[in-house]
All heavy atoms as atom14 arrays in JSON, in Angstrom:
{
  "sequence": "VYVEDGCDIERELYLSLLVDRVTSCVTVIACQEGGMDIEEVAASS",
  "atom14_mask": [
    [1, 1, 1, 1, 1, 1, 1, 0, 0, 0, 0, 0, 0, 0],
    [1, 1, 1, 1, 1, 1, 1, 1, 1, 1, 1, 1, 0, 0],
    [1, 1, 1, 1, 1, 1, 1, 0, 0, 0, 0, 0, 0, 0],
    [1, 1, 1, 1, 1, 1, 1, 1, 1, 0, 0, 0, 0, 0],
    [1, 1, 1, 1, 1, 1, 1, 1, 0, 0, 0, 0, 0, 0],
    [1, 1, 1, 1, 0, 0, 0, 0, 0, 0, 0, 0, 0, 0],
    [1, 1, 1, 1, 1, 1, 0, 0, 0, 0, 0, 0, 0, 0],
    [1, 1, 1, 1, 1, 1, 1, 1, 0, 0, 0, 0, 0, 0],
    [1, 1, 1, 1, 1, 1, 1, 1, 0, 0, 0, 0, 0, 0],
    [1, 1, 1, 1, 1, 1, 1, 1, 1, 0, 0, 0, 0, 0],
    [1, 1, 1, 1, 1, 1, 1, 1, 1, 1, 1, 0, 0, 0],
    [1, 1, 1, 1, 1, 1, 1, 1, 1, 0, 0, 0, 0, 0],
    [1, 1, 1, 1, 1, 1, 1, 1, 0, 0, 0, 0, 0, 0],
    [1, 1, 1, 1, 1, 1, 1, 1, 1, 1, 1, 1, 0, 0],
    [1, 1, 1, 1, 1, 1, 1, 1, 0, 0, 0, 0, 0, 0],
    [1, 1, 1, 1, 1, 1, 0, 0, 0, 0, 0, 0, 0, 0],
    [1, 1, 1, 1, 1, 1, 1, 1, 0, 0, 0, 0, 0, 0],
    [1, 1, 1, 1, 1, 1, 1, 1, 0, 0, 0, 0, 0, 0],
    [1, 1, 1, 1, 1, 1, 1, 0, 0, 0, 0, 0, 0, 0],
    [1, 1, 1, 1, 1, 1, 1, 1, 0, 0, 0, 0, 0, 0],
    [1, 1, 1, 1, 1, 1, 1, 1, 1, 1, 1, 0, 0, 0],
    [1, 1, 1, 1, 1, 1, 1, 0, 0, 0, 0, 0, 0, 0],
    [1, 1, 1, 1, 1, 1, 1, 0, 0, 0, 0, 0, 0, 0],
    [1, 1, 1, 1, 1, 1, 0, 0, 0, 0, 0, 0, 0, 0],
    [1, 1, 1, 1, 1, 1, 0, 0, 0, 0, 0, 0, 0, 0],
    [1, 1, 1, 1, 1, 1, 1, 0, 0, 0, 0, 0, 0, 0],
    [1, 1, 1, 1, 1, 1, 1, 0, 0, 0, 0, 0, 0, 0],
    [1, 1, 1, 1, 1, 1, 1, 0, 0, 0, 0, 0, 0, 0],
    [1, 1, 1, 1, 1, 1, 1, 1, 0, 0, 0, 0, 0, 0],
    [1, 1, 1, 1, 1, 0, 0, 0, 0, 0, 0, 0, 0, 0],
    [1, 1, 1, 1, 1, 1, 0, 0, 0, 0, 0, 0, 0, 0],
    [1, 1, 1, 1, 1, 1, 1, 1, 1, 0, 0, 0, 0, 0],
    [1, 1, 1, 1, 1, 1, 1, 1, 1, 0, 0, 0, 0, 0],
    [1, 1, 1, 1, 0, 0, 0, 0, 0, 0, 0, 0, 0, 0],
    [1, 1, 1, 1, 0, 0, 0, 0, 0, 0, 0, 0, 0, 0],
    [1, 1, 1, 1, 1, 1, 1, 1, 0, 0, 0, 0, 0, 0],
    [1, 1, 1, 1, 1, 1, 1, 1, 0, 0, 0, 0, 0, 0],
    [1, 1, 1, 1, 1, 1, 1, 1, 0, 0, 0, 0, 0, 0],
    [1, 1, 1, 1, 1, 1, 1, 1, 1, 0, 0, 0, 0, 0],
    [1, 1, 1, 1, 1, 1, 1, 1, 1, 0, 0, 0, 0, 0],
    [1, 1, 1, 1, 1, 1, 1, 0, 0, 0, 0, 0, 0, 0],
    [1, 1, 1, 1, 1, 0, 0, 0, 0, 0, 0, 0, 0, 0],
    [1, 1, 1, 1, 1, 0, 0, 0, 0, 0, 0, 0, 0, 0],
    [1, 1, 1, 1, 1, 1, 0, 0, 0, 0, 0, 0, 0, 0],
    [1, 1, 1, 1, 1, 1, 0, 0, 0, 0, 0, 0, 0, 0]
  ],
  "atom14_positions": [
    [[239.02, 53.92, 239.78], [238.42, 54.24, 238.54], [237.94, 52.98, 237.92], [238.31, 51.88, 238.18], [239.37, 55.01, 237.63], [239.78, 56.36, 238.16], [240.57, 54.11, 237.31], [0.0, 0.0, 0.0], [0.0, 0.0, 0.0], [0.0, 0.0, 0.0], [0.0, 0.0, 0.0], [0.0, 0.0, 0.0], [0.0, 0.0, 0.0], [0.0, 0.0, 0.0]],
    [[236.88, 53.2, 236.97], [236.29, 52.09, 236.27], [236.68, 52.38, 234.76], [236.34, 53.48, 234.17], [234.78, 52.08, 236.51], [234.07, 50.89, 235.94], [234.56, 49.59, 236.1], [233.02, 51.06, 235.07], [233.87, 48.51, 235.58], [232.32, 49.94, 234.55], [232.78, 48.74, 234.76], [232.07, 47.67, 234.25], [0.0, 0.0, 0.0], [0.0, 0.0, 0.0]],
    [[237.34, 51.4, 234.17], [237.71, 51.47, 232.78], [236.71, 50.56, 232.02], [236.65, 49.37, 232.24], [239.16, 51.14, 232.61], [239.48, 51.33, 231.08], [240.18, 51.91, 233.42], [0.0, 0.0, 0.0], [0.0, 0.0, 0.0], [0.0, 0.0, 0.0], [0.0, 0.0, 0.0], [0.0, 0.0, 0.0], [0.0, 0.0, 0.0], [0.0, 0.0, 0.0]],
    [[236.11, 51.21, 230.95], [235.04, 50.5, 230.35], [235.15, 50.72, 228.85], [235.65, 51.66, 228.36], [233.74, 51.06, 230.74], [232.47, 50.36, 230.35], [231.17, 50.97, 230.96], [230.98, 52.22, 230.89], [230.46, 50.23, 231.67], [0.0, 0.0, 0.0], [0.0, 0.0, 0.0], [0.0, 0.0, 0.0], [0.0, 0.0, 0.0], [0.0, 0.0, 0.0]],
    [[234.63, 49.62, 228.13], [234.66, 49.79, 226.64], [233.74, 50.97, 226.22], [232.75, 51.4, 226.86], [234.01, 48.57, 226.04], [235.11, 47.56, 225.56], [236.17, 48.05, 225.08], [234.84, 46.35, 225.59], [0.0, 0.0, 0.0], [0.0, 0.0, 0.0], [0.0, 0.0, 0.0], [0.0, 0.0, 0.0], [0.0, 0.0, 0.0], [0.0, 0.0, 0.0]],
    [[234.14, 51.64, 225.1], [233.39, 52.63, 224.48], [232.03, 52.11, 223.85], [231.95, 50.85, 223.77], [0.0, 0.0, 0.0], [0.0, 0.0, 0.0], [0.0, 0.0, 0.0], [0.0, 0.0, 0.0], [0.0, 0.0, 0.0], [0.0, 0.0, 0.0], [0.0, 0.0, 0.0], [0.0, 0.0, 0.0], [0.0, 0.0, 0.0], [0.0, 0.0, 0.0]],
    [[231.16, 52.96, 223.52], [229.85, 52.49, 222.98], [229.4, 53.44, 221.9], [229.6, 54.63, 221.96], [228.77, 52.5, 224.21], [227.2, 51.97, 223.71], [0.0, 0.0, 0.0], [0.0, 0.0, 0.0], [0.0, 0.0, 0.0], [0.0, 0.0, 0.0], [0.0, 0.0, 0.0], [0.0, 0.0, 0.0], [0.0, 0.0, 0.0], [0.0, 0.0, 0.0]],
    [[228.82, 52.76, 220.79], [228.37, 53.56, 219.59], [226.84, 53.96, 220.02], [225.84, 53.22, 219.74], [228.38, 52.66, 218.41], [228.36, 53.41, 217.18], [228.29, 54.68, 217.19], [228.27, 52.86, 216.08], [0.0, 0.0, 0.0], [0.0, 0.0, 0.0], [0.0, 0.0, 0.0], [0.0, 0.0, 0.0], [0.0, 0.0, 0.0], [0.0, 0.0, 0.0]],
    [[226.72, 55.13, 220.54], [225.34, 55.52, 221.01], [224.45, 56.22, 219.98], [224.91, 57.03, 219.23], [225.55, 56.54, 222.2], [226.35, 55.95, 223.34], [224.23, 56.96, 222.79], [226.75, 56.89, 224.46], [0.0, 0.0, 0.0], [0.0, 0.0, 0.0], [0.0, 0.0, 0.0], [0.0, 0.0, 0.0], [0.0, 0.0, 0.0], [0.0, 0.0, 0.0]],
    [[223.21, 55.67, 219.99], [222.25, 56.24, 219.11], [221.29, 57.25, 219.86], [221.02, 58.31, 219.44], [221.41, 55.31, 218.34], [220.44, 55.78, 217.35], [219.7, 54.74, 216.54], [220.29, 54.28, 215.56], [218.56, 54.31, 216.9], [0.0, 0.0, 0.0], [0.0, 0.0, 0.0], [0.0, 0.0, 0.0], [0.0, 0.0, 0.0], [0.0, 0.0, 0.0]],
    [[220.93, 56.8, 221.0], [220.05, 57.56, 221.88], [220.42, 57.37, 223.31], [220.82, 56.32, 223.86], [218.49, 57.15, 221.74], [217.95, 57.47, 220.36], [216.47, 57.06, 220.24], [215.64, 57.75, 221.26], [214.54, 57.3, 221.7], [214.04, 56.03, 221.46], [213.77, 57.89, 222.61], [0.0, 0.0, 0.0], [0.0, 0.0, 0.0], [0.0, 0.0, 0.0]],
    [[220.07, 58.41, 224.16], [220.29, 58.37, 225.6], [219.0, 58.56, 226.27], [218.3, 59.54, 226.07], [221.29, 59.48, 226.05], [222.72, 59.25, 225.64], [223.72, 60.2, 226.39], [223.27, 61.0, 227.07], [224.94, 60.05, 226.04], [0.0, 0.0, 0.0], [0.0, 0.0, 0.0], [0.0, 0.0, 0.0], [0.0, 0.0, 0.0], [0.0, 0.0, 0.0]],
    [[218.63, 57.6, 227.19], [217.31, 57.56, 227.92], [217.62, 57.66, 229.34], [218.78, 57.47, 229.84], [216.52, 56.34, 227.43], [216.38, 56.03, 225.95], [215.73, 54.63, 225.77], [215.61, 57.15, 225.26], [0.0, 0.0, 0.0], [0.0, 0.0, 0.0], [0.0, 0.0, 0.0], [0.0, 0.0, 0.0], [0.0, 0.0, 0.0], [0.0, 0.0, 0.0]],
    [[216.56, 57.65, 230.13], [216.65, 57.65, 231.63], [215.73, 56.56, 232.19], [214.57, 56.45, 231.67], [216.28, 59.05, 232.22], [216.23, 58.95, 233.78], [217.45, 59.2, 234.44], [215.08, 58.68, 234.4], [217.34, 59.15, 235.81], [215.09, 58.49, 235.8], [216.24, 58.92, 236.55], [216.2, 58.79, 237.89], [0.0, 0.0, 0.0], [0.0, 0.0, 0.0]],
    [[216.17, 55.7, 233.1], [215.25, 54.75, 233.75], [215.72, 54.55, 235.21], [216.89, 54.48, 235.52], [215.49, 53.44, 232.99], [214.68, 52.23, 233.37], [213.2, 52.47, 233.1], [215.13, 50.99, 232.62], [0.0, 0.0, 0.0], [0.0, 0.0, 0.0], [0.0, 0.0, 0.0], [0.0, 0.0, 0.0], [0.0, 0.0, 0.0], [0.0, 0.0, 0.0]],
    [[214.69, 54.44, 236.01], [214.91, 54.17, 237.42], [213.89, 53.4, 238.06], [212.68, 53.5, 237.56], [215.24, 55.4, 238.17], [214.1, 56.25, 238.33], [0.0, 0.0, 0.0], [0.0, 0.0, 0.0], [0.0, 0.0, 0.0], [0.0, 0.0, 0.0], [0.0, 0.0, 0.0], [0.0, 0.0, 0.0], [0.0, 0.0, 0.0], [0.0, 0.0, 0.0]],
    [[214.1, 52.62, 239.16], [213.1, 52.03, 239.95], [213.28, 52.49, 241.37], [214.48, 52.64, 241.84], [213.37, 50.46, 239.89], [213.17, 49.72, 238.64], [213.48, 48.23, 239.0], [211.79, 49.86, 238.0], [0.0, 0.0, 0.0], [0.0, 0.0, 0.0], [0.0, 0.0, 0.0], [0.0, 0.0, 0.0], [0.0, 0.0, 0.0], [0.0, 0.0, 0.0]],
    [[212.3, 52.73, 242.1], [212.31, 53.19, 243.52], [211.1, 52.71, 244.21], [210.05, 52.4, 243.64], [212.57, 54.69, 243.57], [211.53, 55.58, 242.87], [210.35, 55.83, 243.69], [212.38, 56.88, 242.54], [0.0, 0.0, 0.0], [0.0, 0.0, 0.0], [0.0, 0.0, 0.0], [0.0, 0.0, 0.0], [0.0, 0.0, 0.0], [0.0, 0.0, 0.0]],
    [[211.13, 52.7, 245.52], [209.95, 52.46, 246.37], [209.17, 53.67, 246.6], [209.75, 54.62, 247.11], [210.39, 51.74, 247.68], [209.21, 51.44, 248.61], [211.21, 50.38, 247.43], [0.0, 0.0, 0.0], [0.0, 0.0, 0.0], [0.0, 0.0, 0.0], [0.0, 0.0, 0.0], [0.0, 0.0, 0.0], [0.0, 0.0, 0.0], [0.0, 0.0, 0.0]],
    [[207.86, 53.63, 246.24], [207.05, 54.85, 246.49], [206.25, 54.53, 247.64], [205.29, 53.66, 247.73], [206.11, 54.95, 245.26], [205.31, 56.31, 245.36], [205.04, 56.75, 246.55], [204.94, 56.82, 244.25], [0.0, 0.0, 0.0], [0.0, 0.0, 0.0], [0.0, 0.0, 0.0], [0.0, 0.0, 0.0], [0.0, 0.0, 0.0], [0.0, 0.0, 0.0]],
    [[206.54, 55.17, 248.87], [205.9, 55.04, 250.07], [204.35, 55.44, 250.03], [203.54, 54.93, 250.79], [206.59, 55.73, 251.18], [207.94, 55.16, 251.59], [208.54, 55.93, 252.67], [209.87, 55.39, 253.08], [210.93, 55.74, 252.54], [210.99, 56.68, 251.57], [212.13, 55.12, 252.92], [0.0, 0.0, 0.0], [0.0, 0.0, 0.0], [0.0, 0.0, 0.0]],
    [[203.95, 56.33, 249.13], [202.65, 56.8, 249.04], [201.75, 55.7, 248.45], [200.69, 55.42, 249.04], [202.52, 58.06, 248.19], [201.04, 58.4, 247.95], [203.28, 59.23, 248.78], [0.0, 0.0, 0.0], [0.0, 0.0, 0.0], [0.0, 0.0, 0.0], [0.0, 0.0, 0.0], [0.0, 0.0, 0.0], [0.0, 0.0, 0.0], [0.0, 0.0, 0.0]],
    [[202.16, 55.11, 247.41], [201.42, 54.07, 246.73], [201.73, 52.61, 247.24], [201.0, 51.6, 246.9], [201.6, 54.04, 245.22], [203.02, 53.84, 244.98], [201.22, 55.44, 244.69], [0.0, 0.0, 0.0], [0.0, 0.0, 0.0], [0.0, 0.0, 0.0], [0.0, 0.0, 0.0], [0.0, 0.0, 0.0], [0.0, 0.0, 0.0], [0.0, 0.0, 0.0]],
    [[202.84, 52.44, 248.02], [203.35, 51.19, 248.51], [203.63, 50.28, 247.24], [203.44, 49.05, 247.27], [202.27, 50.34, 249.37], [202.11, 51.21, 250.57], [0.0, 0.0, 0.0], [0.0, 0.0, 0.0], [0.0, 0.0, 0.0], [0.0, 0.0, 0.0], [0.0, 0.0, 0.0], [0.0, 0.0, 0.0], [0.0, 0.0, 0.0], [0.0, 0.0, 0.0]],
    [[204.08, 50.89, 246.25], [204.47, 50.1, 244.94], [205.9, 50.48, 244.64], [206.5, 51.28, 245.15], [203.51, 50.57, 243.9], [201.82, 50.04, 243.81], [0.0, 0.0, 0.0], [0.0, 0.0, 0.0], [0.0, 0.0, 0.0], [0.0, 0.0, 0.0], [0.0, 0.0, 0.0], [0.0, 0.0, 0.0], [0.0, 0.0, 0.0], [0.0, 0.0, 0.0]],
    [[206.41, 49.6, 243.7], [207.68, 49.9, 243.04], [207.34, 50.82, 241.94], [206.62, 50.34, 241.02], [208.41, 48.57, 242.57], [209.69, 49.01, 241.85], [208.72, 47.73, 243.8], [0.0, 0.0, 0.0], [0.0, 0.0, 0.0], [0.0, 0.0, 0.0], [0.0, 0.0, 0.0], [0.0, 0.0, 0.0], [0.0, 0.0, 0.0], [0.0, 0.0, 0.0]],
    [[207.89, 51.96, 241.78], [207.63, 52.85, 240.73], [208.74, 53.04, 239.65], [209.93, 53.04, 239.99], [207.38, 54.28, 241.27], [206.19, 54.3, 242.12], [207.16, 55.26, 240.13], [0.0, 0.0, 0.0], [0.0, 0.0, 0.0], [0.0, 0.0, 0.0], [0.0, 0.0, 0.0], [0.0, 0.0, 0.0], [0.0, 0.0, 0.0], [0.0, 0.0, 0.0]],
    [[208.4, 52.77, 238.4], [209.42, 52.96, 237.33], [209.25, 54.29, 236.88], [208.18, 54.84, 236.56], [209.03, 51.93, 236.15], [210.17, 52.09, 235.12], [208.91, 50.54, 236.65], [0.0, 0.0, 0.0], [0.0, 0.0, 0.0], [0.0, 0.0, 0.0], [0.0, 0.0, 0.0], [0.0, 0.0, 0.0], [0.0, 0.0, 0.0], [0.0, 0.0, 0.0]],
    [[210.41, 55.09, 236.74], [210.44, 56.36, 236.22], [211.35, 56.33, 235.01], [212.4, 55.79, 235.02], [211.05, 57.4, 237.22], [210.17, 57.43, 238.53], [211.1, 58.79, 236.59], [210.8, 58.32, 239.6], [0.0, 0.0, 0.0], [0.0, 0.0, 0.0], [0.0, 0.0, 0.0], [0.0, 0.0, 0.0], [0.0, 0.0, 0.0], [0.0, 0.0, 0.0]],
    [[210.7, 56.83, 233.85], [211.48, 56.78, 232.58], [211.38, 58.04, 231.85], [210.37, 58.85, 232.08], [210.84, 55.58, 231.76], [0.0, 0.0, 0.0], [0.0, 0.0, 0.0], [0.0, 0.0, 0.0], [0.0, 0.0, 0.0], [0.0, 0.0, 0.0], [0.0, 0.0, 0.0], [0.0, 0.0, 0.0], [0.0, 0.0, 0.0], [0.0, 0.0, 0.0]],
    [[212.27, 58.34, 230.95], [212.33, 59.59, 230.2], [213.06, 59.43, 228.91], [214.13, 58.62, 228.91], [212.88, 60.77, 231.02], [212.87, 62.28, 230.14], [0.0, 0.0, 0.0], [0.0, 0.0, 0.0], [0.0, 0.0, 0.0], [0.0, 0.0, 0.0], [0.0, 0.0, 0.0], [0.0, 0.0, 0.0], [0.0, 0.0, 0.0], [0.0, 0.0, 0.0]],
    [[212.53, 60.01, 227.89], [213.24, 59.88, 226.54], [214.55, 60.78, 226.53], [215.31, 60.54, 225.64], [212.39, 60.19, 225.39], [211.2, 59.3, 225.25], [210.46, 59.52, 223.85], [211.05, 59.97, 222.91], [209.22, 59.18, 223.87], [0.0, 0.0, 0.0], [0.0, 0.0, 0.0], [0.0, 0.0, 0.0], [0.0, 0.0, 0.0], [0.0, 0.0, 0.0]],
    [[214.71, 61.6, 227.44], [215.86, 62.52, 227.51], [216.7, 62.26, 228.63], [216.67, 62.91, 229.79], [215.4, 63.97, 227.44], [214.55, 64.4, 226.17], [214.19, 65.87, 226.27], [214.81, 66.65, 226.88], [213.18, 66.11, 225.57], [0.0, 0.0, 0.0], [0.0, 0.0, 0.0], [0.0, 0.0, 0.0], [0.0, 0.0, 0.0], [0.0, 0.0, 0.0]],
    [[217.56, 61.27, 228.53], [218.5, 60.82, 229.63], [219.74, 61.62, 229.48], [219.98, 62.55, 228.69], [0.0, 0.0, 0.0], [0.0, 0.0, 0.0], [0.0, 0.0, 0.0], [0.0, 0.0, 0.0], [0.0, 0.0, 0.0], [0.0, 0.0, 0.0], [0.0, 0.0, 0.0], [0.0, 0.0, 0.0], [0.0, 0.0, 0.0], [0.0, 0.0, 0.0]],
    [[220.75, 61.32, 230.42], [222.04, 61.89, 230.38], [222.29, 62.94, 231.52], [221.54, 62.84, 232.44], [0.0, 0.0, 0.0], [0.0, 0.0, 0.0], [0.0, 0.0, 0.0], [0.0, 0.0, 0.0], [0.0, 0.0, 0.0], [0.0, 0.0, 0.0], [0.0, 0.0, 0.0], [0.0, 0.0, 0.0], [0.0, 0.0, 0.0], [0.0, 0.0, 0.0]],
    [[223.28, 63.79, 231.33], [223.69, 64.64, 232.32], [222.66, 65.74, 232.83], [222.82, 66.32, 233.9], [224.99, 65.28, 232.0], [226.25, 64.38, 231.91], [227.76, 65.09, 231.77], [227.66, 65.85, 230.14], [0.0, 0.0, 0.0], [0.0, 0.0, 0.0], [0.0, 0.0, 0.0], [0.0, 0.0, 0.0], [0.0, 0.0, 0.0], [0.0, 0.0, 0.0]],
    [[221.64, 65.95, 231.9], [220.76, 67.09, 232.19], [219.41, 66.63, 232.6], [218.42, 67.35, 232.44], [220.65, 68.05, 230.94], [222.03, 68.67, 230.54], [222.7, 69.1, 231.5], [222.29, 68.64, 229.3], [0.0, 0.0, 0.0], [0.0, 0.0, 0.0], [0.0, 0.0, 0.0], [0.0, 0.0, 0.0], [0.0, 0.0, 0.0], [0.0, 0.0, 0.0]],
    [[219.29, 65.45, 233.07], [217.99, 64.91, 233.54], [217.32, 65.73, 234.53], [216.08, 65.93, 234.52], [218.09, 63.41, 234.01], [216.7, 62.86, 234.22], [218.99, 63.32, 235.19], [215.82, 62.72, 233.03], [0.0, 0.0, 0.0], [0.0, 0.0, 0.0], [0.0, 0.0, 0.0], [0.0, 0.0, 0.0], [0.0, 0.0, 0.0], [0.0, 0.0, 0.0]],
    [[218.06, 66.35, 235.45], [217.5, 67.2, 236.5], [216.79, 68.39, 235.84], [215.68, 68.8, 236.28], [218.53, 67.72, 237.6], [219.04, 66.57, 238.48], [220.25, 65.89, 237.93], [220.6, 66.12, 236.65], [220.8, 64.97, 238.58], [0.0, 0.0, 0.0], [0.0, 0.0, 0.0], [0.0, 0.0, 0.0], [0.0, 0.0, 0.0], [0.0, 0.0, 0.0]],
    [[217.32, 69.06, 234.87], [216.84, 70.14, 234.22], [215.59, 69.76, 233.41], [214.62, 70.51, 233.37], [217.88, 70.7, 233.19], [219.09, 71.39, 233.74], [220.02, 71.86, 232.86], [219.72, 72.16, 231.62], [221.3, 72.19, 233.14], [0.0, 0.0, 0.0], [0.0, 0.0, 0.0], [0.0, 0.0, 0.0], [0.0, 0.0, 0.0], [0.0, 0.0, 0.0]],
    [[215.56, 68.64, 232.78], [214.38, 68.09, 232.08], [213.2, 67.97, 233.1], [212.07, 68.31, 232.83], [214.62, 66.66, 231.38], [213.35, 66.12, 230.76], [215.67, 66.91, 230.35], [0.0, 0.0, 0.0], [0.0, 0.0, 0.0], [0.0, 0.0, 0.0], [0.0, 0.0, 0.0], [0.0, 0.0, 0.0], [0.0, 0.0, 0.0], [0.0, 0.0, 0.0]],
    [[213.51, 67.3, 234.23], [212.46, 67.06, 235.28], [211.92, 68.45, 235.82], [210.74, 68.57, 236.04], [213.0, 66.29, 236.4], [0.0, 0.0, 0.0], [0.0, 0.0, 0.0], [0.0, 0.0, 0.0], [0.0, 0.0, 0.0], [0.0, 0.0, 0.0], [0.0, 0.0, 0.0], [0.0, 0.0, 0.0], [0.0, 0.0, 0.0], [0.0, 0.0, 0.0]],
    [[212.72, 69.48, 235.92], [212.31, 70.75, 236.45], [211.59, 71.54, 235.37], [210.48, 72.23, 235.73], [213.53, 71.56, 236.86], [0.0, 0.0, 0.0], [0.0, 0.0, 0.0], [0.0, 0.0, 0.0], [0.0, 0.0, 0.0], [0.0, 0.0, 0.0], [0.0, 0.0, 0.0], [0.0, 0.0, 0.0], [0.0, 0.0, 0.0], [0.0, 0.0, 0.0]],
    [[212.04, 71.53, 234.12], [211.46, 72.44, 233.11], [210.32, 71.73, 232.32], [209.39, 72.35, 231.75], [212.61, 73.01, 232.22], [213.16, 71.84, 231.53], [0.0, 0.0, 0.0], [0.0, 0.0, 0.0], [0.0, 0.0, 0.0], [0.0, 0.0, 0.0], [0.0, 0.0, 0.0], [0.0, 0.0, 0.0], [0.0, 0.0, 0.0], [0.0, 0.0, 0.0]],
    [[210.4, 70.37, 232.17], [209.48, 69.67, 231.27], [208.99, 68.39, 232.01], [209.27, 67.34, 231.56], [210.02, 69.32, 229.98], [210.54, 70.55, 229.32], [0.0, 0.0, 0.0], [0.0, 0.0, 0.0], [0.0, 0.0, 0.0], [0.0, 0.0, 0.0], [0.0, 0.0, 0.0], [0.0, 0.0, 0.0], [0.0, 0.0, 0.0], [0.0, 0.0, 0.0]]
  ]
}
């Protein structure tokens, strides 16, 4: 297990980097609605 300090959160966002084989670029994916429901956000909005 990982034991970590708590955090005073104001907003939760989403951020990722990955290799896009189509563009041969590093693609940054970001969203203002991060957290546990990011898959639902991607599917519905």
